[in-house]
Protein backbone atom coordinates (compact mmCIF):
# COMPACT_ATOMS: atom_id res chain seq x y z
CA UNK A 1 115.91 104.86 35.67
CA UNK A 2 118.97 106.42 34.11
CA UNK A 3 119.70 107.01 30.43
CA UNK A 4 122.99 107.07 28.53
CA UNK A 5 123.55 108.77 25.20
CA UNK A 6 124.42 106.53 22.23
CA UNK A 7 125.73 108.50 19.27
CA UNK A 8 128.03 106.08 17.47
CA UNK A 9 125.14 104.08 15.95
CA UNK A 10 122.34 106.65 16.13
CA UNK A 11 124.11 109.89 15.34
CA UNK A 12 121.44 111.53 13.18
CA UNK A 13 123.54 111.72 10.01
CA UNK A 14 120.65 110.21 8.02
CA UNK A 15 118.14 113.07 8.02
CA UNK A 16 115.13 110.90 7.15
CA UNK A 17 115.81 107.87 9.34
CA UNK A 18 113.12 107.00 11.85
CA UNK A 19 114.97 104.00 13.30
CA UNK A 20 118.49 103.08 14.27
CA UNK A 21 120.15 99.83 15.20
CA UNK A 22 122.39 99.50 18.21
CA UNK A 23 124.25 96.17 18.39
CA UNK A 24 123.52 94.02 21.44
CA UNK A 25 127.26 93.99 22.19
CA UNK A 26 127.11 97.78 22.68
CA UNK A 27 124.07 97.56 24.97
CA UNK A 28 125.73 94.84 27.06
CA UNK A 29 128.91 96.93 27.52
CA UNK A 30 129.55 100.12 29.51
CA UNK A 31 127.84 102.55 29.96
CA UNK A 32 124.61 100.60 29.39
CA UNK A 33 125.55 97.26 31.04
CA UNK A 34 122.25 95.59 30.13
CA UNK A 35 121.84 91.89 30.86
CA UNK A 36 120.03 89.20 28.85
CA UNK A 37 116.31 89.71 29.31
CA UNK A 38 116.60 93.38 30.27
CA UNK A 39 114.22 95.81 28.60
CA UNK A 40 115.62 98.62 26.48
CA UNK A 41 114.03 101.96 27.30
CA UNK A 42 114.82 104.75 24.87
CA UNK A 43 114.18 108.45 24.46
CA UNK A 44 114.78 110.31 21.23
CA UNK A 45 115.07 113.87 20.07
CA UNK A 46 115.49 115.51 16.69
CA UNK A 47 118.21 117.97 15.77
CA UNK A 48 118.27 120.45 12.92
CA UNK A 49 119.98 123.74 12.14
CA UNK A 50 117.88 125.50 14.80
CA UNK A 51 118.76 123.10 17.61
CA UNK A 52 117.30 120.11 19.42
CA UNK A 53 113.65 119.22 19.85
CA UNK A 54 112.12 118.27 23.16
CA UNK A 55 113.00 114.73 24.26
CA UNK A 56 110.31 112.10 23.73
CA UNK A 57 108.75 110.10 26.52
CA UNK A 58 110.65 106.90 27.22
CA UNK A 59 109.49 103.88 25.27
CA UNK A 60 110.19 100.19 25.67
CA UNK A 61 110.60 98.85 22.17
CA UNK A 62 112.99 95.97 22.71
CA UNK A 63 114.40 93.37 25.02
CA UNK A 64 117.95 92.00 25.03
CA UNK A 65 117.59 88.43 23.75
CA UNK A 66 119.49 85.73 21.93
CA UNK A 67 118.86 82.08 21.17
CA UNK A 68 118.56 79.78 24.17
CA UNK A 69 120.98 76.99 24.94
CA UNK A 70 120.07 73.55 23.65
CA UNK A 71 117.81 71.31 25.74
CA UNK A 72 119.75 68.74 27.78
CA UNK A 73 119.29 65.28 29.28
CA UNK A 74 117.37 63.84 26.32
CA UNK A 75 116.19 60.40 27.46
CA UNK A 76 113.61 57.72 26.81
CA UNK A 77 110.39 57.56 28.80
CA UNK A 78 110.18 53.77 29.13
CA UNK A 79 106.53 53.81 30.20
CA UNK A 80 105.56 55.20 26.77
CA UNK A 81 107.26 52.41 24.79
CA UNK A 82 105.01 50.14 22.67
CA UNK A 83 105.43 48.36 19.34
CA UNK A 84 104.88 51.66 17.53
CA UNK A 85 105.63 54.44 20.04
CA UNK A 86 108.66 55.84 21.84
CA UNK A 87 108.53 58.40 24.63
CA UNK A 88 111.06 61.20 25.05
CA UNK A 89 111.84 63.61 27.85
CA UNK A 90 114.42 66.38 28.20
CA UNK A 91 115.39 69.27 30.45
CA UNK A 92 114.74 72.87 29.52
CA UNK A 93 117.85 74.94 28.81
CA UNK A 94 119.36 76.66 31.83
CA UNK A 95 120.19 79.76 29.75
CA UNK A 96 116.97 80.77 28.02
CA UNK A 97 118.47 83.62 25.96
CA UNK A 98 116.92 86.34 28.10
CA UNK A 99 113.36 85.26 27.36
CA UNK A 100 110.96 82.43 28.11
CA UNK A 101 110.98 79.19 26.15
CA UNK A 102 107.96 79.19 23.85
CA UNK A 103 108.13 75.61 22.68
CA UNK A 104 110.30 72.77 21.36
CA UNK A 105 110.85 71.22 17.95
CA UNK A 106 111.76 67.53 17.60
CA UNK A 107 113.65 66.04 14.67
CA UNK A 108 114.07 62.35 13.93
CA UNK A 109 115.77 59.99 11.52
CA UNK A 110 115.89 56.29 10.90
CA UNK A 111 119.31 55.18 12.21
CA UNK A 112 121.97 56.75 9.96
CA UNK A 113 119.44 58.56 7.75
CA UNK A 114 118.70 62.21 7.20
CA UNK A 115 116.95 64.08 10.01
CA UNK A 116 113.56 65.64 9.37
CA UNK A 117 111.14 67.49 11.61
CA UNK A 118 108.83 65.16 13.50
CA UNK A 119 106.84 67.84 15.29
CA UNK A 120 107.02 71.39 16.59
CA UNK A 121 105.07 73.55 19.04
CA UNK A 122 105.64 71.04 21.87
CA UNK A 123 105.08 73.12 24.99
CA UNK A 124 106.24 70.62 27.61
CA UNK A 125 109.44 68.64 28.08
CA UNK A 126 107.94 65.27 27.14
CA UNK A 127 106.71 63.86 23.86
CA UNK A 128 105.53 60.48 22.58
CA UNK A 129 106.40 59.69 18.97
CA UNK A 130 103.67 57.53 17.43
CA UNK A 131 103.23 55.59 14.19
CA UNK A 132 106.76 54.18 14.30
CA UNK A 133 107.83 50.86 12.77
CA UNK A 134 108.49 47.91 15.07
CA UNK A 135 112.12 46.75 14.97
CA UNK A 136 113.46 50.05 13.60
CA UNK A 137 116.07 52.17 15.37
CA UNK A 138 115.25 55.87 15.43
CA UNK A 139 117.39 58.86 16.33
CA UNK A 140 115.89 61.94 17.98
CA UNK A 141 117.12 65.45 18.85
CA UNK A 142 115.35 68.51 20.23
CA UNK A 143 115.58 72.31 19.85
CA UNK A 144 114.18 75.00 22.17
CA UNK A 145 112.63 78.24 20.87
CA UNK A 146 112.23 81.69 22.39
CA UNK A 147 111.14 84.90 20.65
CA UNK A 148 114.63 85.30 19.15
CA UNK A 149 114.74 81.86 17.51
CA UNK A 150 115.71 78.21 17.88
CA UNK A 151 118.59 76.85 19.91
CA UNK A 152 121.15 74.43 18.61
CA UNK A 153 120.15 70.77 18.80
CA UNK A 154 120.32 68.70 21.94
CA UNK A 155 122.45 65.60 21.93
CA UNK A 156 121.05 62.79 19.81
CA UNK A 157 119.46 59.69 21.31
CA UNK A 158 119.04 56.38 19.42
CA UNK A 159 116.12 54.14 20.39
CA UNK A 160 114.96 50.77 19.07
CA UNK A 161 111.21 50.65 18.60
CA UNK A 162 110.41 47.30 20.19
CA UNK A 163 108.28 46.01 23.03
């Protein structure tokens, strides 16, 4: 493992600081060249008028992450359709933001209405919406979540609740 010195964001000018923030764009560029999902290992040392302290052991306090791409291929699961239920399936994002997908959040609206959250913490890529009104058209869209946050929404699908 090799280390590079970063002094433009952590230069020690604040004599009481115990943290510093290095933008992801800096860590992804030369000389670091870290990729999404890479761990950030860091060593620190203190400097005062008498010189530098010993360097700390390396620590892993962060991982390079960002929000995942939106789920894709949102579709109806026809086998789950009844007078009051509609089934949905989707594909996990290809780019997961450098981390694993924790879960999904589904929003819905009555055709042309305002979207609201239907459910969250869905750990698979299928869901059956229940308690719907027969003869009503619903719109659905899905977000994926990793430790960094939620993706943008998938495309929207409109489904008529009818059997």
